[in-house]
Amino acid sequence: MTARTNCNSLQVATPLGLITVSAPAFPPVSGNVALCIRPESIRLDAPPADAPNVFSGRCLQTVYQGEVAQHTIALAGRNNAVTEWKVFELNPTAAMDRTHAAVSLWIPPENVIVLDSSCRGI
């Protein structure tokens, strides 16, 4: 289900909660959609004070791959449904091992792509 909040953004109800998308990242839509969020678009730094798409979770695993750390984050959503998300952190610091730590992440609305729900297999 989707609902426009104004001409510049869209809110999409997901199992995680509402996710805000910025124009022009969405086409005219109604009904069910799929969201595309690339792992390198998810941020672990402090979000702006008024940022949407801020979620809390726990880091389950961190794999350092040189210039990138791949984190697996468990996020609790509506009805206590837990989903695991991959988050890529560029230029990580090994001293910041996040494994088993509580983390906050945020997704800039301009980095969320809306797809027609028939594109889910992509």
PDB file of N, CA and C in Angstrom:
ATOM      1  N   MET A   1       0.864  -1.172   0.000  1.00  0.00           N
ATOM      2  CA  MET A   1       0.000   0.000   0.000  1.00  0.00           C
ATOM      3  C   MET A   1       0.903   1.226   0.000  1.00  0.00           C
ATOM      4  N   THR A   2       0.538   2.213  -0.749  1.00  0.00           N
ATOM      5  CA  THR A   2       1.322   3.436  -0.808  1.00  0.00           C
ATOM      6  C   THR A   2       0.427   4.632  -0.575  1.00  0.00           C
ATOM      7  N   ALA A   3       1.025   5.726  -0.140  1.00  0.00           N
ATOM      8  CA  ALA A   3       0.269   6.961   0.050  1.00  0.00           C
ATOM      9  C   ALA A   3       1.197   8.145  -0.155  1.00  0.00           C
ATOM     10  N   ARG A   4       0.837   9.038  -1.024  1.00  0.00           N
ATOM     11  CA  ARG A   4       1.647  10.232  -1.238  1.00  0.00           C
ATOM     12  C   ARG A   4       1.517  11.151  -0.031  1.00  0.00           C
ATOM     13  N   THR A   5       2.646  11.702   0.428  1.00  0.00           N
ATOM     14  CA  THR A   5       2.596  12.664   1.514  1.00  0.00           C
ATOM     15  C   THR A   5       2.598  14.079   0.967  1.00  0.00           C
ATOM     16  N   ASN A   6       3.240  14.289  -0.170  1.00  0.00           N
ATOM     17  CA  ASN A   6       3.179  15.546  -0.914  1.00  0.00           C
ATOM     18  C   ASN A   6       3.751  15.274  -2.297  1.00  0.00           C
ATOM     19  N   CYS A   7       3.914  16.286  -3.105  1.00  0.00           N
ATOM     20  CA  CYS A   7       4.367  16.046  -4.481  1.00  0.00           C
ATOM     21  C   CYS A   7       5.832  15.655  -4.556  1.00  0.00           C
ATOM     22  N   ASN A   8       6.587  15.758  -3.461  1.00  0.00           N
ATOM     23  CA  ASN A   8       8.011  15.433  -3.483  1.00  0.00           C
ATOM     24  C   ASN A   8       8.376  14.141  -2.777  1.00  0.00           C
ATOM     25  N   SER A   9       7.417  13.481  -2.142  1.00  0.00           N
ATOM     26  CA  SER A   9       7.757  12.251  -1.433  1.00  0.00           C
ATOM     27  C   SER A   9       6.570  11.304  -1.393  1.00  0.00           C
ATOM     28  N   LEU A  10       6.901  10.077  -1.076  1.00  0.00           N
ATOM     29  CA  LEU A  10       5.932   8.994  -1.019  1.00  0.00           C
ATOM     30  C   LEU A  10       6.263   8.170   0.215  1.00  0.00           C
ATOM     31  N   GLN A  11       5.258   7.713   0.935  1.00  0.00           N
ATOM     32  CA  GLN A  11       5.484   6.801   2.053  1.00  0.00           C
ATOM     33  C   GLN A  11       4.933   5.439   1.684  1.00  0.00           C
ATOM     34  N   VAL A  12       5.760   4.416   1.924  1.00  0.00           N
ATOM     35  CA  VAL A  12       5.381   3.047   1.603  1.00  0.00           C
ATOM     36  C   VAL A  12       5.330   2.239   2.896  1.00  0.00           C
ATOM     37  N   ALA A  13       4.212   1.590   3.134  1.00  0.00           N
ATOM     38  CA  ALA A  13       4.071   0.728   4.311  1.00  0.00           C
ATOM     39  C   ALA A  13       4.783  -0.588   4.017  1.00  0.00           C
ATOM     40  N   THR A  14       5.722  -0.959   4.900  1.00  0.00           N
ATOM     41  CA  THR A  14       6.492  -2.192   4.753  1.00  0.00           C
ATOM     42  C   THR A  14       6.419  -2.973   6.064  1.00  0.00           C
ATOM     43  N   PRO A  15       6.848  -4.231   6.073  1.00  0.00           N
ATOM     44  CA  PRO A  15       6.890  -4.975   7.337  1.00  0.00           C
ATOM     45  C   PRO A  15       7.805  -4.311   8.379  1.00  0.00           C
ATOM     46  N   LEU A  16       8.768  -3.517   7.920  1.00  0.00           N
ATOM     47  CA  LEU A  16       9.670  -2.815   8.829  1.00  0.00           C
ATOM     48  C   LEU A  16       9.025  -1.571   9.411  1.00  0.00           C
ATOM     49  N   GLY A  17       8.089  -0.988   8.699  1.00  0.00           N
ATOM     50  CA  GLY A  17       7.449   0.271   9.062  1.00  0.00           C
ATOM     51  C   GLY A  17       7.363   1.137   7.822  1.00  0.00           C
ATOM     52  N   LEU A  18       7.032   2.411   8.003  1.00  0.00           N
ATOM     53  CA  LEU A  18       6.938   3.306   6.858  1.00  0.00           C
ATOM     54  C   LEU A  18       8.319   3.658   6.335  1.00  0.00           C
ATOM     55  N   ILE A  19       8.479   3.611   5.023  1.00  0.00           N
ATOM     56  CA  ILE A  19       9.712   4.043   4.371  1.00  0.00           C
ATOM     57  C   ILE A  19       9.350   5.173   3.427  1.00  0.00           C
ATOM     58  N   THR A  20      10.059   6.294   3.576  1.00  0.00           N
ATOM     59  CA  THR A  20       9.829   7.471   2.754  1.00  0.00           C
ATOM     60  C   THR A  20      10.752   7.441   1.548  1.00  0.00           C
ATOM     61  N   VAL A  21      10.187   7.757   0.390  1.00  0.00           N
ATOM     62  CA  VAL A  21      10.915   7.805  -0.874  1.00  0.00           C
ATOM     63  C   VAL A  21      10.814   9.233  -1.401  1.00  0.00           C
ATOM     64  N   SER A  22      11.921   9.771  -1.931  1.00  0.00           N
ATOM     65  CA  SER A  22      11.907  11.114  -2.498  1.00  0.00           C
ATOM     66  C   SER A  22      11.718  11.070  -3.998  1.00  0.00           C
ATOM     67  N   ALA A  23      11.033  12.073  -4.519  1.00  0.00           N
ATOM     68  CA  ALA A  23      10.965  12.252  -5.970  1.00  0.00           C
ATOM     69  C   ALA A  23      12.358  12.627  -6.433  1.00  0.00           C
ATOM     70  N   PRO A  24      12.840  12.249  -7.579  1.00  0.00           N
ATOM     71  CA  PRO A  24      12.136  11.556  -8.650  1.00  0.00           C
ATOM     72  C   PRO A  24      12.340  10.047  -8.606  1.00  0.00           C
ATOM     73  N   ALA A  25      12.578   9.484  -7.432  1.00  0.00           N
ATOM     74  CA  ALA A  25      12.871   8.052  -7.324  1.00  0.00           C
ATOM     75  C   ALA A  25      11.637   7.180  -7.480  1.00  0.00           C
ATOM     76  N   PHE A  26      10.465   7.782  -7.649  1.00  0.00           N
ATOM     77  CA  PHE A  26       9.287   6.949  -7.813  1.00  0.00           C
ATOM     78  C   PHE A  26       8.447   7.412  -8.996  1.00  0.00           C
ATOM     79  N   PRO A  27       7.928   6.456  -9.729  1.00  0.00           N
ATOM     80  CA  PRO A  27       6.996   6.768 -10.815  1.00  0.00           C
ATOM     81  C   PRO A  27       5.604   6.940 -10.223  1.00  0.00           C
ATOM     82  N   PRO A  28       4.639   7.375 -11.013  1.00  0.00           N
ATOM     83  CA  PRO A  28       3.262   7.386 -10.501  1.00  0.00           C
ATOM     84  C   PRO A  28       2.873   5.961 -10.098  1.00  0.00           C
ATOM     85  N   VAL A  29       2.446   5.778  -8.867  1.00  0.00           N
ATOM     86  CA  VAL A  29       2.128   4.437  -8.373  1.00  0.00           C
ATOM     87  C   VAL A  29       0.836   4.439  -7.588  1.00  0.00           C
ATOM     88  N   SER A  30       0.263   3.275  -7.483  1.00  0.00           N
ATOM     89  CA  SER A  30      -0.864   3.044  -6.577  1.00  0.00           C
ATOM     90  C   SER A  30      -0.872   1.556  -6.282  1.00  0.00           C
ATOM     91  N   GLY A  31      -1.357   1.196  -5.126  1.00  0.00           N
ATOM     92  CA  GLY A  31      -1.408  -0.215  -4.765  1.00  0.00           C
ATOM     93  C   GLY A  31      -0.065  -0.734  -4.289  1.00  0.00           C
ATOM     94  N   ASN A  32       0.210  -2.009  -4.574  1.00  0.00           N
ATOM     95  CA  ASN A  32       1.420  -2.655  -4.085  1.00  0.00           C
ATOM     96  C   ASN A  32       2.623  -2.322  -4.947  1.00  0.00           C
ATOM     97  N   VAL A  33       3.752  -2.108  -4.283  1.00  0.00           N
ATOM     98  CA  VAL A  33       5.014  -1.828  -4.960  1.00  0.00           C
ATOM     99  C   VAL A  33       6.114  -2.636  -4.292  1.00  0.00           C
ATOM    100  N   ALA A  34       7.261  -2.691  -4.932  1.00  0.00           N
ATOM    101  CA  ALA A  34       8.462  -3.281  -4.339  1.00  0.00           C
ATOM    102  C   ALA A  34       9.483  -2.149  -4.196  1.00  0.00           C
ATOM    103  N   LEU A  35      10.314  -2.226  -3.173  1.00  0.00           N
ATOM    104  CA  LEU A  35      11.355  -1.222  -2.964  1.00  0.00           C
ATOM    105  C   LEU A  35      12.716  -1.838  -3.222  1.00  0.00           C
ATOM    106  N   CYS A  36      13.585  -1.087  -3.848  1.00  0.00           N
ATOM    107  CA  CYS A  36      14.964  -1.491  -4.085  1.00  0.00           C
ATOM    108  C   CYS A  36      15.861  -0.570  -3.261  1.00  0.00           C
ATOM    109  N   ILE A  37      16.598  -1.161  -2.319  1.00  0.00           N
ATOM    110  CA  ILE A  37      17.520  -0.402  -1.470  1.00  0.00           C
ATOM    111  C   ILE A  37      18.849  -1.128  -1.513  1.00  0.00           C
ATOM    112  N   ARG A  38      19.835  -0.502  -2.113  1.00  0.00           N
ATOM    113  CA  ARG A  38      21.147  -1.128  -2.240  1.00  0.00           C
ATOM    114  C   ARG A  38      21.874  -1.101  -0.893  1.00  0.00           C
ATOM    115  N   PRO A  39      22.618  -2.167  -0.559  1.00  0.00           N
ATOM    116  CA  PRO A  39      23.289  -2.248   0.741  1.00  0.00           C
ATOM    117  C   PRO A  39      24.260  -1.093   1.012  1.00  0.00           C
ATOM    118  N   GLU A  40      24.863  -0.542  -0.027  1.00  0.00           N
ATOM    119  CA  GLU A  40      25.800   0.566   0.178  1.00  0.00           C
ATOM    120  C   GLU A  40      25.085   1.899   0.375  1.00  0.00           C
ATOM    121  N   SER A  41      23.759   1.923   0.182  1.00  0.00           N
ATOM    122  CA  SER A  41      22.977   3.142   0.399  1.00  0.00           C
ATOM    123  C   SER A  41      22.506   3.286   1.837  1.00  0.00           C
ATOM    124  N   ILE A  42      22.607   2.227   2.599  1.00  0.00           N
ATOM    125  CA  ILE A  42      22.168   2.245   3.992  1.00  0.00           C
ATOM    126  C   ILE A  42      23.297   2.810   4.839  1.00  0.00           C
ATOM    127  N   ARG A  43      22.974   3.772   5.685  1.00  0.00           N
ATOM    128  CA  ARG A  43      23.991   4.510   6.430  1.00  0.00           C
ATOM    129  C   ARG A  43      23.983   4.105   7.909  1.00  0.00           C
ATOM    130  N   LEU A  44      25.187   4.026   8.477  1.00  0.00           N
ATOM    131  CA  LEU A  44      25.339   3.716   9.908  1.00  0.00           C
ATOM    132  C   LEU A  44      25.790   4.927  10.714  1.00  0.00           C
ATOM    133  N   ASP A  45      26.069   6.045  10.033  1.00  0.00           N
ATOM    134  CA  ASP A  45      26.462   7.254  10.747  1.00  0.00           C
ATOM    135  C   ASP A  45      25.213   7.946  11.302  1.00  0.00           C
ATOM    136  N   ALA A  46      25.417   8.998  12.063  1.00  0.00           N
ATOM    137  CA  ALA A  46      24.292   9.707  12.677  1.00  0.00           C
ATOM    138  C   ALA A  46      23.464  10.402  11.592  1.00  0.00           C
ATOM    139  N   PRO A  47      22.154  10.188  11.602  1.00  0.00           N
ATOM    140  CA  PRO A  47      21.303  10.828  10.599  1.00  0.00           C
ATOM    141  C   PRO A  47      21.033  12.290  10.956  1.00  0.00           C
ATOM    142  N   PRO A  48      20.609  13.089   9.978  1.00  0.00           N
ATOM    143  CA  PRO A  48      20.150  14.440  10.294  1.00  0.00           C
ATOM    144  C   PRO A  48      18.980  14.362  11.274  1.00  0.00           C
ATOM    145  N   ALA A  49      18.784  15.402  12.036  1.00  0.00           N
ATOM    146  CA  ALA A  49      17.759  15.404  13.089  1.00  0.00           C
ATOM    147  C   ALA A  49      16.362  15.092  12.566  1.00  0.00           C
ATOM    148  N   ASP A  50      16.035  15.539  11.380  1.00  0.00           N
ATOM    149  CA  ASP A  50      14.683  15.347  10.853  1.00  0.00           C
ATOM    150  C   ASP A  50      14.602  14.215   9.831  1.00  0.00           C
ATOM    151  N   ALA A  51      15.587  13.325   9.827  1.00  0.00           N
ATOM    152  CA  ALA A  51      15.649  12.264   8.812  1.00  0.00           C
ATOM    153  C   ALA A  51      14.544  11.232   8.997  1.00  0.00           C
ATOM    154  N   PRO A  52      13.886  10.854   7.894  1.00  0.00           N
ATOM    155  CA  PRO A  52      12.983   9.701   7.958  1.00  0.00           C
ATOM    156  C   PRO A  52      13.804   8.432   7.790  1.00  0.00           C
ATOM    157  N   ASN A  53      13.172   7.309   7.825  1.00  0.00           N
ATOM    158  CA  ASN A  53      13.798   6.016   7.539  1.00  0.00           C
ATOM    159  C   ASN A  53      14.940   5.689   8.496  1.00  0.00           C
ATOM    160  N   VAL A  54      14.732   5.942   9.776  1.00  0.00           N
ATOM    161  CA  VAL A  54      15.711   5.601  10.814  1.00  0.00           C
ATOM    162  C   VAL A  54      15.191   4.374  11.550  1.00  0.00           C
ATOM    163  N   PHE A  55      16.031   3.342  11.639  1.00  0.00           N
ATOM    164  CA  PHE A  55      15.622   2.085  12.239  1.00  0.00           C
ATOM    165  C   PHE A  55      16.690   1.596  13.208  1.00  0.00           C
ATOM    166  N   SER A  56      16.275   0.851  14.212  1.00  0.00           N
ATOM    167  CA  SER A  56      17.201   0.298  15.205  1.00  0.00           C
ATOM    168  C   SER A  56      17.244  -1.218  15.072  1.00  0.00           C
ATOM    169  N   GLY A  57      18.418  -1.761  15.329  1.00  0.00           N
ATOM    170  CA  GLY A  57      18.562  -3.206  15.247  1.00  0.00           C
ATOM    171  C   GLY A  57      19.808  -3.670  15.955  1.00  0.00           C
ATOM    172  N   ARG A  58      20.237  -4.864  15.613  1.00  0.00           N
ATOM    173  CA  ARG A  58      21.427  -5.465  16.217  1.00  0.00           C
ATOM    174  C   ARG A  58      22.277  -6.054  15.111  1.00  0.00           C
ATOM    175  N   CYS A  59      23.582  -5.805  15.198  1.00  0.00           N
ATOM    176  CA  CYS A  59      24.513  -6.340  14.218  1.00  0.00           C
ATOM    177  C   CYS A  59      24.779  -7.805  14.555  1.00  0.00           C
ATOM    178  N   LEU A  60      24.460  -8.687  13.626  1.00  0.00           N
ATOM    179  CA  LEU A  60      24.656 -10.119  13.844  1.00  0.00           C
ATOM    180  C   LEU A  60      26.047 -10.582  13.437  1.00  0.00           C
ATOM    181  N   GLN A  61      26.577  -9.949  12.387  1.00  0.00           N
ATOM    182  CA  GLN A  61      27.869 -10.393  11.865  1.00  0.00           C
ATOM    183  C   GLN A  61      28.505  -9.258  11.075  1.00  0.00           C
ATOM    184  N   THR A  62      29.834  -9.208  11.132  1.00  0.00           N
ATOM    185  CA  THR A  62      30.596  -8.270  10.312  1.00  0.00           C
ATOM    186  C   THR A  62      31.698  -9.034   9.612  1.00  0.00           C
ATOM    187  N   VAL A  63      31.803  -8.823   8.305  1.00  0.00           N
ATOM    188  CA  VAL A  63      32.868  -9.426   7.513  1.00  0.00           C
ATOM    189  C   VAL A  63      33.648  -8.279   6.882  1.00  0.00           C
ATOM    190  N   TYR A  64      34.936  -8.177   7.221  1.00  0.00           N
ATOM    191  CA  TYR A  64      35.776  -7.131   6.640  1.00  0.00           C
ATOM    192  C   TYR A  64      36.340  -7.633   5.317  1.00  0.00           C
ATOM    193  N   GLN A  65      36.176  -6.811   4.286  1.00  0.00           N
ATOM    194  CA  GLN A  65      36.624  -7.174   2.945  1.00  0.00           C
ATOM    195  C   GLN A  65      37.542  -6.081   2.395  1.00  0.00           C
ATOM    196  N   GLY A  66      38.474  -5.626   3.197  1.00  0.00           N
ATOM    197  CA  GLY A  66      39.375  -4.564   2.772  1.00  0.00           C
ATOM    198  C   GLY A  66      38.728  -3.201   2.933  1.00  0.00           C
ATOM    199  N   GLU A  67      38.383  -2.577   1.806  1.00  0.00           N
ATOM    200  CA  GLU A  67      37.809  -1.227   1.854  1.00  0.00           C
ATOM    201  C   GLU A  67      36.324  -1.218   2.219  1.00  0.00           C
ATOM    202  N   VAL A  68      35.726  -2.397   2.377  1.00  0.00           N
ATOM    203  CA  VAL A  68      34.305  -2.507   2.690  1.00  0.00           C
ATOM    204  C   VAL A  68      34.105  -3.486   3.844  1.00  0.00           C
ATOM    205  N   ALA A  69      33.197  -3.133   4.749  1.00  0.00           N
ATOM    206  CA  ALA A  69      32.739  -4.086   5.763  1.00  0.00           C
ATOM    207  C   ALA A  69      31.296  -4.432   5.410  1.00  0.00           C
ATOM    208  N   GLN A  70      30.987  -5.721   5.407  1.00  0.00           N
ATOM    209  CA  GLN A  70      29.619  -6.177   5.161  1.00  0.00           C
ATOM    210  C   GLN A  70      29.018  -6.579   6.496  1.00  0.00           C
ATOM    211  N   HIS A  71      27.990  -5.850   6.897  1.00  0.00           N
ATOM    212  CA  HIS A  71      27.312  -6.127   8.168  1.00  0.00           C
ATOM    213  C   HIS A  71      25.979  -6.812   7.877  1.00  0.00           C
ATOM    214  N   THR A  72      25.613  -7.765   8.713  1.00  0.00           N
ATOM    215  CA  THR A  72      24.275  -8.332   8.690  1.00  0.00           C
ATOM    216  C   THR A  72      23.567  -7.780   9.922  1.00  0.00           C
ATOM    217  N   ILE A  73      22.489  -7.038   9.667  1.00  0.00           N
ATOM    218  CA  ILE A  73      21.766  -6.346  10.738  1.00  0.00           C
ATOM    219  C   ILE A  73      20.370  -6.948  10.866  1.00  0.00           C
ATOM    220  N   ALA A  74      19.979  -7.305  12.083  1.00  0.00           N
ATOM    221  CA  ALA A  74      18.616  -7.774  12.350  1.00  0.00           C
ATOM    222  C   ALA A  74      17.776  -6.573  12.772  1.00  0.00           C
ATOM    223  N   LEU A  75      16.679  -6.343  12.065  1.00  0.00           N
ATOM    224  CA  LEU A  75      15.774  -5.239  12.368  1.00  0.00           C
ATOM    225  C   LEU A  75      14.412  -5.798  12.740  1.00  0.00           C
ATOM    226  N   ALA A  76      13.843  -5.292  13.824  1.00  0.00           N
ATOM    227  CA  ALA A  76      12.504  -5.701  14.234  1.00  0.00           C
ATOM    228  C   ALA A  76      11.502  -4.712  13.665  1.00  0.00           C
ATOM    229  N   GLY A  77      10.480  -5.234  13.020  1.00  0.00           N
ATOM    230  CA  GLY A  77       9.473  -4.381  12.408  1.00  0.00           C
ATOM    231  C   GLY A  77       8.140  -4.517  13.094  1.00  0.00           C
ATOM    232  N   ARG A  78       7.107  -4.264  12.307  1.00  0.00           N
ATOM    233  CA  ARG A  78       5.747  -4.374  12.838  1.00  0.00           C
ATOM    234  C   ARG A  78       5.465  -5.805  13.248  1.00  0.00           C
ATOM    235  N   ASN A  79       4.668  -5.967  14.263  1.00  0.00           N
ATOM    236  CA  ASN A  79       4.286  -7.286  14.783  1.00  0.00           C
ATOM    237  C   ASN A  79       5.497  -8.133  15.160  1.00  0.00           C
ATOM    238  N   ASN A  80       6.584  -7.484  15.560  1.00  0.00           N
ATOM    239  CA  ASN A  80       7.828  -8.135  15.986  1.00  0.00           C
ATOM    240  C   ASN A  80       8.453  -9.015  14.912  1.00  0.00           C
ATOM    241  N   ALA A  81       8.117  -8.777  13.655  1.00  0.00           N
ATOM    242  CA  ALA A  81       8.751  -9.512  12.563  1.00  0.00           C
ATOM    243  C   ALA A  81      10.197  -9.049  12.446  1.00  0.00           C
ATOM    244  N   VAL A  82      11.126  -9.990  12.410  1.00  0.00           N
ATOM    245  CA  VAL A  82      12.548  -9.660  12.315  1.00  0.00           C
ATOM    246  C   VAL A  82      13.022  -9.946  10.894  1.00  0.00           C
ATOM    247  N   THR A  83      13.699  -8.977  10.317  1.00  0.00           N
ATOM    248  CA  THR A  83      14.284  -9.154   8.992  1.00  0.00           C
ATOM    249  C   THR A  83      15.778  -8.883   9.085  1.00  0.00           C
ATOM    250  N   GLU A  84      16.531  -9.583   8.253  1.00  0.00           N
ATOM    251  CA  GLU A  84      17.980  -9.364   8.211  1.00  0.00           C
ATOM    252  C   GLU A  84      18.316  -8.545   6.978  1.00  0.00           C
ATOM    253  N   TRP A  85      19.133  -7.515   7.177  1.00  0.00           N
ATOM    254  CA  TRP A  85      19.538  -6.623   6.109  1.00  0.00           C
ATOM    255  C   TRP A  85      21.047  -6.657   5.974  1.00  0.00           C
ATOM    256  N   LYS A  86      21.529  -6.628   4.742  1.00  0.00           N
ATOM    257  CA  LYS A  86      22.956  -6.472   4.465  1.00  0.00           C
ATOM    258  C   LYS A  86      23.246  -4.979   4.355  1.00  0.00           C
ATOM    259  N   VAL A  87      24.300  -4.537   5.027  1.00  0.00           N
ATOM    260  CA  VAL A  87      24.720  -3.136   4.987  1.00  0.00           C
ATOM    261  C   VAL A  87      26.197  -3.113   4.651  1.00  0.00           C
ATOM    262  N   PHE A  88      26.566  -2.376   3.610  1.00  0.00           N
ATOM    263  CA  PHE A  88      27.970  -2.234   3.242  1.00  0.00           C
ATOM    264  C   PHE A  88      28.482  -0.904   3.762  1.00  0.00           C
ATOM    265  N   GLU A  89      29.552  -0.958   4.526  1.00  0.00           N
ATOM    266  CA  GLU A  89      30.162   0.253   5.072  1.00  0.00           C
ATOM    267  C   GLU A  89      31.485   0.487   4.349  1.00  0.00           C
ATOM    268  N   LEU A  90      31.578   1.608   3.641  1.00  0.00           N
ATOM    269  CA  LEU A  90      32.803   1.937   2.927  1.00  0.00           C
ATOM    270  C   LEU A  90      33.843   2.495   3.887  1.00  0.00           C
ATOM    271  N   ASN A  91      35.086   2.127   3.667  1.00  0.00           N
ATOM    272  CA  ASN A  91      36.208   2.604   4.471  1.00  0.00           C
ATOM    273  C   ASN A  91      35.988   2.361   5.969  1.00  0.00           C
ATOM    274  N   PRO A  92      35.745   1.108   6.357  1.00  0.00           N
ATOM    275  CA  PRO A  92      35.471   0.812   7.769  1.00  0.00           C
ATOM    276  C   PRO A  92      36.732   0.891   8.619  1.00  0.00           C
ATOM    277  N   THR A  93      36.529   1.077   9.894  1.00  0.00           N
ATOM    278  CA  THR A  93      37.611   1.051  10.859  1.00  0.00           C
ATOM    279  C   THR A  93      37.496  -0.249  11.635  1.00  0.00           C
ATOM    280  N   ALA A  94      38.537  -1.067  11.602  1.00  0.00           N
ATOM    281  CA  ALA A  94      38.498  -2.369  12.275  1.00  0.00           C
ATOM    282  C   ALA A  94      38.222  -2.222  13.765  1.00  0.00           C
ATOM    283  N   ALA A  95      38.630  -1.092  14.335  1.00  0.00           N
ATOM    284  CA  ALA A  95      38.397  -0.875  15.764  1.00  0.00           C
ATOM    285  C   ALA A  95      36.907  -0.701  16.071  1.00  0.00           C
ATOM    286  N   MET A  96      36.086  -0.461  15.041  1.00  0.00           N
ATOM    287  CA  MET A  96      34.648  -0.273  15.231  1.00  0.00           C
ATOM    288  C   MET A  96      33.887  -1.558  14.936  1.00  0.00           C
ATOM    289  N   ASP A  97      34.322  -2.666  15.510  1.00  0.00           N
ATOM    290  CA  ASP A  97      33.622  -3.927  15.291  1.00  0.00           C
ATOM    291  C   ASP A  97      32.221  -3.809  15.867  1.00  0.00           C
ATOM    292  N   ARG A  98      31.233  -3.935  15.020  1.00  0.00           N
ATOM    293  CA  ARG A  98      29.840  -3.745  15.429  1.00  0.00           C
ATOM    294  C   ARG A  98      29.148  -5.060  15.783  1.00  0.00           C
ATOM    295  N   THR A  99      29.841  -6.196  15.652  1.00  0.00           N
ATOM    296  CA  THR A  99      29.218  -7.490  15.889  1.00  0.00           C
ATOM    297  C   THR A  99      28.601  -7.552  17.281  1.00  0.00           C
ATOM    298  N   HIS A 100      27.339  -7.936  17.343  1.00  0.00           N
ATOM    299  CA  HIS A 100      26.534  -8.075  18.564  1.00  0.00           C
ATOM    300  C   HIS A 100      26.148  -6.739  19.192  1.00  0.00           C
ATOM    301  N   ALA A 101      26.483  -5.634  18.553  1.00  0.00           N
ATOM    302  CA  ALA A 101      26.155  -4.313  19.094  1.00  0.00           C
ATOM    303  C   ALA A 101      24.793  -3.846  18.590  1.00  0.00           C
ATOM    304  N   ALA A 102      24.140  -3.036  19.423  1.00  0.00           N
ATOM    305  CA  ALA A 102      22.923  -2.358  18.974  1.00  0.00           C
ATOM    306  C   ALA A 102      23.356  -1.268  17.994  1.00  0.00           C
ATOM    307  N   VAL A 103      22.638  -1.144  16.899  1.00  0.00           N
ATOM    308  CA  VAL A 103      22.978  -0.148  15.887  1.00  0.00           C
ATOM    309  C   VAL A 103      21.716   0.588  15.440  1.00  0.00           C
ATOM    310  N   SER A 104      21.921   1.801  14.986  1.00  0.00           N
ATOM    311  CA  SER A 104      20.881   2.554  14.297  1.00  0.00           C
ATOM    312  C   SER A 104      21.341   2.721  12.870  1.00  0.00           C
ATOM    313  N   LEU A 105      20.416   2.564  11.957  1.00  0.00           N
ATOM    314  CA  LEU A 105      20.749   2.798  10.559  1.00  0.00           C
ATOM    315  C   LEU A 105      19.692   3.708   9.970  1.00  0.00           C
ATOM    316  N   TRP A 106      20.072   4.348   8.876  1.00  0.00           N
ATOM    317  CA  TRP A 106      19.104   5.194   8.186  1.00  0.00           C
ATOM    318  C   TRP A 106      19.305   5.087   6.685  1.00  0.00           C
ATOM    319  N   ILE A 107      18.221   5.322   5.987  1.00  0.00           N
ATOM    320  CA  ILE A 107      18.223   5.196   4.534  1.00  0.00           C
ATOM    321  C   ILE A 107      17.786   6.539   3.962  1.00  0.00           C
ATOM    322  N   PRO A 108      18.685   7.231   3.267  1.00  0.00           N
ATOM    323  CA  PRO A 108      18.271   8.490   2.629  1.00  0.00           C
ATOM    324  C   PRO A 108      17.130   8.231   1.638  1.00  0.00           C
ATOM    325  N   PRO A 109      16.050   8.991   1.719  1.00  0.00           N
ATOM    326  CA  PRO A 109      14.894   8.749   0.849  1.00  0.00           C
ATOM    327  C   PRO A 109      15.230   8.760  -0.641  1.00  0.00           C
ATOM    328  N   GLU A 110      16.228   9.541  -1.035  1.00  0.00           N
ATOM    329  CA  GLU A 110      16.591   9.601  -2.456  1.00  0.00           C
ATOM    330  C   GLU A 110      17.283   8.331  -2.937  1.00  0.00           C
ATOM    331  N   ASN A 111      17.668   7.444  -2.011  1.00  0.00           N
ATOM    332  CA  ASN A 111      18.321   6.184  -2.369  1.00  0.00           C
ATOM    333  C   ASN A 111      17.375   4.990  -2.380  1.00  0.00           C
ATOM    334  N   VAL A 112      16.087   5.240  -2.214  1.00  0.00           N
ATOM    335  CA  VAL A 112      15.084   4.176  -2.259  1.00  0.00           C
ATOM    336  C   VAL A 112      14.392   4.240  -3.621  1.00  0.00           C
ATOM    337  N   ILE A 113      14.412   3.137  -4.340  1.00  0.00           N
ATOM    338  CA  ILE A 113      13.801   3.080  -5.676  1.00  0.00           C
ATOM    339  C   ILE A 113      12.500   2.296  -5.587  1.00  0.00           C
ATOM    340  N   VAL A 114      11.457   2.835  -6.170  1.00  0.00           N
ATOM    341  CA  VAL A 114      10.143   2.179  -6.191  1.00  0.00           C
ATOM    342  C   VAL A 114      10.004   1.424  -7.512  1.00  0.00           C
ATOM    343  N   LEU A 115       9.619   0.159  -7.417  1.00  0.00           N
ATOM    344  CA  LEU A 115       9.376  -0.679  -8.586  1.00  0.00           C
ATOM    345  C   LEU A 115       7.933  -1.176  -8.544  1.00  0.00           C
ATOM    346  N   ASP A 116       7.384  -1.398  -9.696  1.00  0.00           N
ATOM    347  CA  ASP A 116       6.087  -2.040  -9.779  1.00  0.00           C
ATOM    348  C   ASP A 116       6.201  -3.395  -9.093  1.00  0.00           C
ATOM    349  N   SER A 117       5.198  -3.831  -8.378  1.00  0.00           N
ATOM    350  CA  SER A 117       5.286  -5.082  -7.617  1.00  0.00           C
ATOM    351  C   SER A 117       5.554  -6.287  -8.504  1.00  0.00           C
ATOM    352  N   SER A 118       5.291  -6.200  -9.798  1.00  0.00           N
ATOM    353  CA  SER A 118       5.580  -7.320 -10.701  1.00  0.00           C
ATOM    354  C   SER A 118       7.073  -7.501 -10.934  1.00  0.00           C
ATOM    355  N   CYS A 119       7.912  -6.563 -10.470  1.00  0.00           N
ATOM    356  CA  CYS A 119       9.360  -6.632 -10.661  1.00  0.00           C
ATOM    357  C   CYS A 119      10.070  -7.354  -9.525  1.00  0.00           C
ATOM    358  N   ARG A 120       9.366  -7.941  -8.598  1.00  0.00           N
ATOM    359  CA  ARG A 120       9.983  -8.537  -7.412  1.00  0.00           C
ATOM    360  C   ARG A 120      11.014  -9.603  -7.718  1.00  0.00           C
ATOM    361  N   GLY A 121      10.893 -10.289  -8.830  1.00  0.00           N
ATOM    362  CA  GLY A 121      11.829 -11.355  -9.159  1.00  0.00           C
ATOM    363  C   GLY A 121      13.170 -10.865  -9.652  1.00  0.00           C
ATOM    364  N   ILE A 122      13.317  -9.558  -9.801  1.00  0.00           N
ATOM    365  CA  ILE A 122      14.580  -9.022 -10.340  1.00  0.00           C
ATOM    366  C   ILE A 122      15.674  -9.105  -9.318  1.00  0.00           C
TER     367      ILE A 122
END
